[in-house]
Amino acid sequence: MPKTQAKPKAKTKKTALLTVAERKQIDAKFGLTPEKLAAELVEAEKPARKKKVGGKAGPALAMSTWGEATQKFYPDFPIGKFEGEPYLVWVKPDIFRMEPQTPCFRFIRSTGEVIEPGRLFTDGGSIPRPLWFVKDLSPWTYAPAFLIHDWLFDCHHAGTTDKSFEEVRDIMMEGIRTLMEAGVCTPNRLTFDLIHAGIDSVVARRIWNRKN
């Protein structure tokens, strides 16, 4: 896969005003403020607080926030193939609109399944801002994989897919491993595990289960 496919093309200005429906869609999808995130973390930790070890919260508390234990590791995720290039239009700070183009941008899984995203709004990867300075943890380092993941989340909320949270999570990790193995992104097992923990977290599941 050519290295040029790692970074999406982007226009630097809006091409049209947003409709009321589009504004509502963006607010619903990206309206998670730091205050709301903190509240969701507190809610996510409540069940774990009941499990005490020596008067202190046990391992379940830590796992509840950052991700659930998994038996799958880097080599367990199959390698697929990305085709085409994502085409993004700037909407407002940190928000872009991906537009379908020809040739289309898509991910072909090792099973032969083809995932071809349609039009969607995205912020790249939902990486907490304090971590952006960490090498390979900016929102756009693994943009192709994040866009596929973002699309499948949108399909779930629209009721157009029967894929489970776990399958969508694993598809993204397949995409990231594909980028690493193709040499588009630097192979980094620690970064891989950190991203897996983030998209497998209780907060991610709450977003998955949220009613738009």
C-alpha atoms as a PDB file:
ATOM      1  CA  MET A   1       0.000   0.000   0.000  1.00  0.00           C
ATOM      2  CA  PRO A   2       1.521   3.392  -0.974  1.00  0.00           C
ATOM      3  CA  LYS A   3       2.548   5.553   1.935  1.00  0.00           C
ATOM      4  CA  THR A   4       0.517   8.432   0.538  1.00  0.00           C
ATOM      5  CA  GLN A   5      -2.643   6.687   1.721  1.00  0.00           C
ATOM      6  CA  ALA A   6      -1.791   7.226   5.375  1.00  0.00           C
ATOM      7  CA  LYS A   7      -2.883  10.858   5.438  1.00  0.00           C
ATOM      8  CA  PRO A   8      -6.277  12.047   4.219  1.00  0.00           C
ATOM      9  CA  LYS A   9      -6.613  14.904   1.804  1.00  0.00           C
ATOM     10  CA  ALA A  10      -8.307  17.927   3.291  1.00  0.00           C
ATOM     11  CA  LYS A  11      -9.666  21.229   2.064  1.00  0.00           C
ATOM     12  CA  THR A  12      -8.887  24.240   4.208  1.00  0.00           C
ATOM     13  CA  LYS A  13     -12.272  25.909   4.110  1.00  0.00           C
ATOM     14  CA  LYS A  14     -15.940  25.055   4.146  1.00  0.00           C
ATOM     15  CA  THR A  15     -17.597  24.562   0.799  1.00  0.00           C
ATOM     16  CA  ALA A  16     -21.136  25.131   2.065  1.00  0.00           C
ATOM     17  CA  LEU A  17     -23.020  26.191   5.166  1.00  0.00           C
ATOM     18  CA  LEU A  18     -24.194  23.452   7.478  1.00  0.00           C
ATOM     19  CA  THR A  19     -27.867  22.625   7.588  1.00  0.00           C
ATOM     20  CA  VAL A  20     -29.788  22.551  10.864  1.00  0.00           C
ATOM     21  CA  ALA A  21     -29.856  18.746  10.713  1.00  0.00           C
ATOM     22  CA  GLU A  22     -26.087  18.615  10.198  1.00  0.00           C
ATOM     23  CA  ARG A  23     -25.478  20.943  13.138  1.00  0.00           C
ATOM     24  CA  LYS A  24     -27.622  18.759  15.375  1.00  0.00           C
ATOM     25  CA  GLN A  25     -25.772  15.688  14.161  1.00  0.00           C
ATOM     26  CA  ILE A  26     -22.405  17.257  14.980  1.00  0.00           C
ATOM     27  CA  ASP A  27     -23.562  18.467  18.401  1.00  0.00           C
ATOM     28  CA  ALA A  28     -24.886  15.009  19.260  1.00  0.00           C
ATOM     29  CA  LYS A  29     -21.742  13.242  18.093  1.00  0.00           C
ATOM     30  CA  PHE A  30     -19.054  15.587  19.383  1.00  0.00           C
ATOM     31  CA  GLY A  31     -20.779  17.300  22.309  1.00  0.00           C
ATOM     32  CA  LEU A  32     -18.830  15.392  24.958  1.00  0.00           C
ATOM     33  CA  THR A  33     -17.292  18.242  26.984  1.00  0.00           C
ATOM     34  CA  PRO A  34     -14.596  17.640  29.632  1.00  0.00           C
ATOM     35  CA  GLU A  35     -17.292  18.044  32.293  1.00  0.00           C
ATOM     36  CA  LYS A  36     -19.543  15.451  30.658  1.00  0.00           C
ATOM     37  CA  LEU A  37     -16.599  13.098  30.203  1.00  0.00           C
ATOM     38  CA  ALA A  38     -15.711  13.402  33.883  1.00  0.00           C
ATOM     39  CA  ALA A  39     -19.324  12.643  34.828  1.00  0.00           C
ATOM     40  CA  GLU A  40     -19.344   9.572  32.576  1.00  0.00           C
ATOM     41  CA  LEU A  41     -16.102   8.320  34.127  1.00  0.00           C
ATOM     42  CA  VAL A  42     -17.626   8.664  37.588  1.00  0.00           C
ATOM     43  CA  GLU A  43     -20.701   6.714  36.477  1.00  0.00           C
ATOM     44  CA  ALA A  44     -18.518   4.057  34.870  1.00  0.00           C
ATOM     45  CA  GLU A  45     -16.537   3.583  38.069  1.00  0.00           C
ATOM     46  CA  LYS A  46     -19.518   3.257  40.421  1.00  0.00           C
ATOM     47  CA  PRO A  47     -19.963  -0.531  40.025  1.00  0.00           C
ATOM     48  CA  ALA A  48     -16.236  -1.069  40.533  1.00  0.00           C
ATOM     49  CA  ARG A  49     -16.181   0.999  43.735  1.00  0.00           C
ATOM     50  CA  LYS A  50     -18.238  -1.712  45.408  1.00  0.00           C
ATOM     51  CA  LYS A  51     -15.299  -4.099  45.042  1.00  0.00           C
ATOM     52  CA  LYS A  52     -12.777  -3.195  47.707  1.00  0.00           C
ATOM     53  CA  VAL A  53      -9.402  -4.706  48.447  1.00  0.00           C
ATOM     54  CA  GLY A  54      -7.980  -3.723  51.812  1.00  0.00           C
ATOM     55  CA  GLY A  55     -10.213  -0.665  51.923  1.00  0.00           C
ATOM     56  CA  LYS A  56      -9.100   0.510  48.481  1.00  0.00           C
ATOM     57  CA  ALA A  57     -10.642   0.082  45.070  1.00  0.00           C
ATOM     58  CA  GLY A  58      -9.467  -3.138  43.446  1.00  0.00           C
ATOM     59  CA  PRO A  59      -8.193  -3.801  39.922  1.00  0.00           C
ATOM     60  CA  ALA A  60     -11.745  -3.673  38.554  1.00  0.00           C
ATOM     61  CA  LEU A  61     -11.774   0.095  39.135  1.00  0.00           C
ATOM     62  CA  ALA A  62      -8.735   0.734  37.001  1.00  0.00           C
ATOM     63  CA  MET A  63      -9.942  -1.565  34.240  1.00  0.00           C
ATOM     64  CA  SER A  64     -13.402   0.009  34.194  1.00  0.00           C
ATOM     65  CA  THR A  65     -12.032   3.328  32.947  1.00  0.00           C
ATOM     66  CA  TRP A  66      -9.284   2.339  30.543  1.00  0.00           C
ATOM     67  CA  GLY A  67     -10.477  -0.894  29.050  1.00  0.00           C
ATOM     68  CA  GLU A  68     -11.415  -4.473  29.704  1.00  0.00           C
ATOM     69  CA  ALA A  69      -8.915  -7.287  29.875  1.00  0.00           C
ATOM     70  CA  THR A  70      -8.524  -9.075  26.569  1.00  0.00           C
ATOM     71  CA  GLN A  71      -6.865 -12.295  25.456  1.00  0.00           C
ATOM     72  CA  LYS A  72      -6.170 -10.889  21.973  1.00  0.00           C
ATOM     73  CA  PHE A  73      -2.779  -9.402  21.189  1.00  0.00           C
ATOM     74  CA  TYR A  74      -1.121  -7.718  18.217  1.00  0.00           C
ATOM     75  CA  PRO A  75      -0.389 -10.948  16.263  1.00  0.00           C
ATOM     76  CA  ASP A  76      -3.970 -12.150  16.800  1.00  0.00           C
ATOM     77  CA  PHE A  77      -5.434  -9.430  14.576  1.00  0.00           C
ATOM     78  CA  PRO A  78      -5.435 -10.314  10.849  1.00  0.00           C
ATOM     79  CA  ILE A  79      -4.056  -8.012   8.179  1.00  0.00           C
ATOM     80  CA  GLY A  80      -6.382  -6.461   5.618  1.00  0.00           C
ATOM     81  CA  LYS A  81      -5.873  -3.878   2.905  1.00  0.00           C
ATOM     82  CA  PHE A  82      -6.800  -0.212   2.459  1.00  0.00           C
ATOM     83  CA  GLU A  83      -7.716   1.065  -0.976  1.00  0.00           C
ATOM     84  CA  GLY A  84      -8.279   4.604  -2.191  1.00  0.00           C
ATOM     85  CA  GLU A  85      -7.798   7.756  -0.148  1.00  0.00           C
ATOM     86  CA  PRO A  86     -10.198   9.453   2.305  1.00  0.00           C
ATOM     87  CA  TYR A  87     -11.274  12.917   1.182  1.00  0.00           C
ATOM     88  CA  LEU A  88     -12.016  15.377   3.985  1.00  0.00           C
ATOM     89  CA  VAL A  89     -13.591  18.835   3.986  1.00  0.00           C
ATOM     90  CA  TRP A  90     -12.964  21.187   6.912  1.00  0.00           C
ATOM     91  CA  VAL A  91     -16.198  22.099   8.716  1.00  0.00           C
ATOM     92  CA  LYS A  92     -15.002  23.840  11.883  1.00  0.00           C
ATOM     93  CA  PRO A  93     -12.081  23.446  14.322  1.00  0.00           C
ATOM     94  CA  ASP A  94     -11.327  19.726  14.802  1.00  0.00           C
ATOM     95  CA  ILE A  95     -14.389  18.623  12.795  1.00  0.00           C
ATOM     96  CA  PHE A  96     -14.231  17.396   9.210  1.00  0.00           C
ATOM     97  CA  ARG A  97     -16.733  15.940   6.762  1.00  0.00           C
ATOM     98  CA  MET A  98     -15.620  12.917   4.766  1.00  0.00           C
ATOM     99  CA  GLU A  99     -16.998  12.825   1.241  1.00  0.00           C
ATOM    100  CA  PRO A 100     -17.133   9.675  -0.938  1.00  0.00           C
ATOM    101  CA  GLN A 101     -14.866   9.942  -3.974  1.00  0.00           C
ATOM    102  CA  THR A 102     -13.916   7.859  -7.000  1.00  0.00           C
ATOM    103  CA  PRO A 103     -11.883   5.719  -6.594  1.00  0.00           C
ATOM    104  CA  CYS A 104     -13.505   5.039  -3.255  1.00  0.00           C
ATOM    105  CA  PHE A 105     -11.771   4.762   0.089  1.00  0.00           C
ATOM    106  CA  ARG A 106     -12.396   1.363   1.673  1.00  0.00           C
ATOM    107  CA  PHE A 107     -10.969  -1.348   3.912  1.00  0.00           C
ATOM    108  CA  ILE A 108     -10.871  -4.955   2.745  1.00  0.00           C
ATOM    109  CA  ARG A 109     -10.670  -7.378   5.652  1.00  0.00           C
ATOM    110  CA  SER A 110      -8.741 -10.638   5.515  1.00  0.00           C
ATOM    111  CA  THR A 111     -12.127 -12.379   5.291  1.00  0.00           C
ATOM    112  CA  GLY A 112     -12.872 -10.575   2.039  1.00  0.00           C
ATOM    113  CA  GLU A 113     -15.493  -8.293   3.640  1.00  0.00           C
ATOM    114  CA  VAL A 114     -15.379  -4.804   2.147  1.00  0.00           C
ATOM    115  CA  ILE A 115     -16.152  -1.784   4.346  1.00  0.00           C
ATOM    116  CA  GLU A 116     -16.705   1.349   2.288  1.00  0.00           C
ATOM    117  CA  PRO A 117     -17.614   4.425   4.339  1.00  0.00           C
ATOM    118  CA  GLY A 118     -20.143   6.932   3.113  1.00  0.00           C
ATOM    119  CA  ARG A 119     -20.466  10.585   4.062  1.00  0.00           C
ATOM    120  CA  LEU A 120     -19.751  11.240   7.743  1.00  0.00           C
ATOM    121  CA  PHE A 121     -18.553  13.840  10.209  1.00  0.00           C
ATOM    122  CA  THR A 122     -15.364  13.002  12.068  1.00  0.00           C
ATOM    123  CA  ASP A 123     -12.777  14.389  14.459  1.00  0.00           C
ATOM    124  CA  GLY A 124     -10.189  11.851  13.340  1.00  0.00           C
ATOM    125  CA  GLY A 125      -9.369   9.694  16.322  1.00  0.00           C
ATOM    126  CA  SER A 126     -10.868  10.483  19.703  1.00  0.00           C
ATOM    127  CA  ILE A 127      -7.498  10.758  21.429  1.00  0.00           C
ATOM    128  CA  PRO A 128      -7.520  12.935  24.596  1.00  0.00           C
ATOM    129  CA  ARG A 129      -5.750  16.227  23.860  1.00  0.00           C
ATOM    130  CA  PRO A 130      -3.144  15.840  26.653  1.00  0.00           C
ATOM    131  CA  LEU A 131      -1.859  12.758  24.805  1.00  0.00           C
ATOM    132  CA  TRP A 132      -1.499  14.419  21.400  1.00  0.00           C
ATOM    133  CA  PHE A 133       2.156  15.229  22.117  1.00  0.00           C
ATOM    134  CA  VAL A 134       2.945  11.514  22.572  1.00  0.00           C
ATOM    135  CA  LYS A 135       4.570  10.047  19.456  1.00  0.00           C
ATOM    136  CA  ASP A 136       2.043   8.233  17.241  1.00  0.00           C
ATOM    137  CA  LEU A 137      -0.935   9.271  19.393  1.00  0.00           C
ATOM    138  CA  SER A 138      -2.208  12.284  17.463  1.00  0.00           C
ATOM    139  CA  PRO A 139      -5.816  12.031  16.186  1.00  0.00           C
ATOM    140  CA  TRP A 140      -4.663  11.514  12.598  1.00  0.00           C
ATOM    141  CA  THR A 141      -1.752   9.061  12.903  1.00  0.00           C
ATOM    142  CA  TYR A 142      -4.033   6.120  12.108  1.00  0.00           C
ATOM    143  CA  ALA A 143      -6.681   8.113  10.239  1.00  0.00           C
ATOM    144  CA  PRO A 144      -7.787   5.379   7.788  1.00  0.00           C
ATOM    145  CA  ALA A 145      -8.486   2.924  10.639  1.00  0.00           C
ATOM    146  CA  PHE A 146     -10.197   5.583  12.774  1.00  0.00           C
ATOM    147  CA  LEU A 147     -12.433   6.597   9.871  1.00  0.00           C
ATOM    148  CA  ILE A 148     -13.580   3.011   9.357  1.00  0.00           C
ATOM    149  CA  HIS A 149     -14.277   2.733  13.100  1.00  0.00           C
ATOM    150  CA  ASP A 150     -16.129   6.070  13.093  1.00  0.00           C
ATOM    151  CA  TRP A 151     -18.270   4.960  10.143  1.00  0.00           C
ATOM    152  CA  LEU A 152     -19.245   1.694  11.816  1.00  0.00           C
ATOM    153  CA  PHE A 153     -20.229   3.581  14.996  1.00  0.00           C
ATOM    154  CA  ASP A 154     -22.469   5.820  12.864  1.00  0.00           C
ATOM    155  CA  CYS A 155     -23.976   2.753  11.156  1.00  0.00           C
ATOM    156  CA  HIS A 156     -24.709   1.229  14.572  1.00  0.00           C
ATOM    157  CA  HIS A 157     -26.472   4.365  15.779  1.00  0.00           C
ATOM    158  CA  ALA A 158     -28.424   4.545  12.510  1.00  0.00           C
ATOM    159  CA  GLY A 159     -29.451   0.899  12.867  1.00  0.00           C
ATOM    160  CA  THR A 160     -27.898  -0.083   9.542  1.00  0.00           C
ATOM    161  CA  THR A 161     -25.488  -2.731  10.854  1.00  0.00           C
ATOM    162  CA  ASP A 162     -25.786  -5.705  13.153  1.00  0.00           C
ATOM    163  CA  LYS A 163     -22.091  -5.736  14.034  1.00  0.00           C
ATOM    164  CA  SER A 164     -21.347  -5.904  17.749  1.00  0.00           C
ATOM    165  CA  PHE A 165     -19.220  -3.468  19.741  1.00  0.00           C
ATOM    166  CA  GLU A 166     -16.505  -6.119  19.973  1.00  0.00           C
ATOM    167  CA  GLU A 167     -16.424  -6.760  16.218  1.00  0.00           C
ATOM    168  CA  VAL A 168     -16.213  -3.046  15.424  1.00  0.00           C
ATOM    169  CA  ARG A 169     -13.426  -2.690  17.992  1.00  0.00           C
ATOM    170  CA  ASP A 170     -11.501  -5.556  16.418  1.00  0.00           C
ATOM    171  CA  ILE A 171     -11.981  -4.202  12.888  1.00  0.00           C
ATOM    172  CA  MET A 172     -10.264  -0.984  13.936  1.00  0.00           C
ATOM    173  CA  MET A 173      -7.361  -2.900  15.450  1.00  0.00           C
ATOM    174  CA  GLU A 174      -7.117  -4.913  12.220  1.00  0.00           C
ATOM    175  CA  GLY A 175      -6.870  -1.606  10.388  1.00  0.00           C
ATOM    176  CA  ILE A 176      -4.145  -0.273  12.673  1.00  0.00           C
ATOM    177  CA  ARG A 177      -2.112  -3.465  12.385  1.00  0.00           C
ATOM    178  CA  THR A 178      -2.547  -3.298   8.609  1.00  0.00           C
ATOM    179  CA  LEU A 179      -1.088   0.235   8.574  1.00  0.00           C
ATOM    180  CA  MET A 180       1.791  -0.838  10.806  1.00  0.00           C
ATOM    181  CA  GLU A 181       2.626  -3.967   8.835  1.00  0.00           C
ATOM    182  CA  ALA A 182       2.468  -2.055   5.538  1.00  0.00           C
ATOM    183  CA  GLY A 183       5.090   0.345   6.848  1.00  0.00           C
ATOM    184  CA  VAL A 184       2.735   3.308   6.556  1.00  0.00           C
ATOM    185  CA  CYS A 185       2.889   3.791  10.335  1.00  0.00           C
ATOM    186  CA  THR A 186       5.714   2.845  12.690  1.00  0.00           C
ATOM    187  CA  PRO A 187       5.038  -0.545  14.317  1.00  0.00           C
ATOM    188  CA  ASN A 188       4.606   0.109  18.037  1.00  0.00           C
ATOM    189  CA  ARG A 189       3.102  -2.548  20.280  1.00  0.00           C
ATOM    190  CA  LEU A 190       2.681  -0.161  23.234  1.00  0.00           C
ATOM    191  CA  THR A 191       0.748   2.357  21.142  1.00  0.00           C
ATOM    192  CA  PHE A 192      -1.335  -0.490  19.739  1.00  0.00           C
ATOM    193  CA  ASP A 193      -2.237  -1.670  23.259  1.00  0.00           C
ATOM    194  CA  LEU A 194      -3.046   1.881  24.428  1.00  0.00           C
ATOM    195  CA  ILE A 195      -5.431   2.455  21.528  1.00  0.00           C
ATOM    196  CA  HIS A 196      -7.042  -0.938  22.110  1.00  0.00           C
ATOM    197  CA  ALA A 197      -7.598  -0.057  25.772  1.00  0.00           C
ATOM    198  CA  GLY A 198      -9.174   3.257  24.793  1.00  0.00           C
ATOM    199  CA  ILE A 199     -11.660   1.879  22.263  1.00  0.00           C
ATOM    200  CA  ASP A 200     -12.475  -1.064  24.545  1.00  0.00           C
ATOM    201  CA  SER A 201     -13.149   1.171  27.559  1.00  0.00           C
ATOM    202  CA  VAL A 202     -16.390   1.556  29.483  1.00  0.00           C
ATOM    203  CA  VAL A 203     -16.683   5.117  28.150  1.00  0.00           C
ATOM    204  CA  ALA A 204     -16.450   3.832  24.566  1.00  0.00           C
ATOM    205  CA  ARG A 205     -19.187   1.307  25.319  1.00  0.00           C
ATOM    206  CA  ARG A 206     -21.384   4.030  26.807  1.00  0.00           C
ATOM    207  CA  ILE A 207     -20.993   6.042  23.601  1.00  0.00           C
ATOM    208  CA  TRP A 208     -21.841   2.909  21.590  1.00  0.00           C
ATOM    209  CA  ASN A 209     -25.010   2.407  23.656  1.00  0.00           C
ATOM    210  CA  ARG A 210     -25.996   6.078  23.621  1.00  0.00           C
ATOM    211  CA  LYS A 211     -29.271   6.931  21.930  1.00  0.00           C
ATOM    212  CA  ASN A 212     -28.808   9.761  19.448  1.00  0.00           C
END
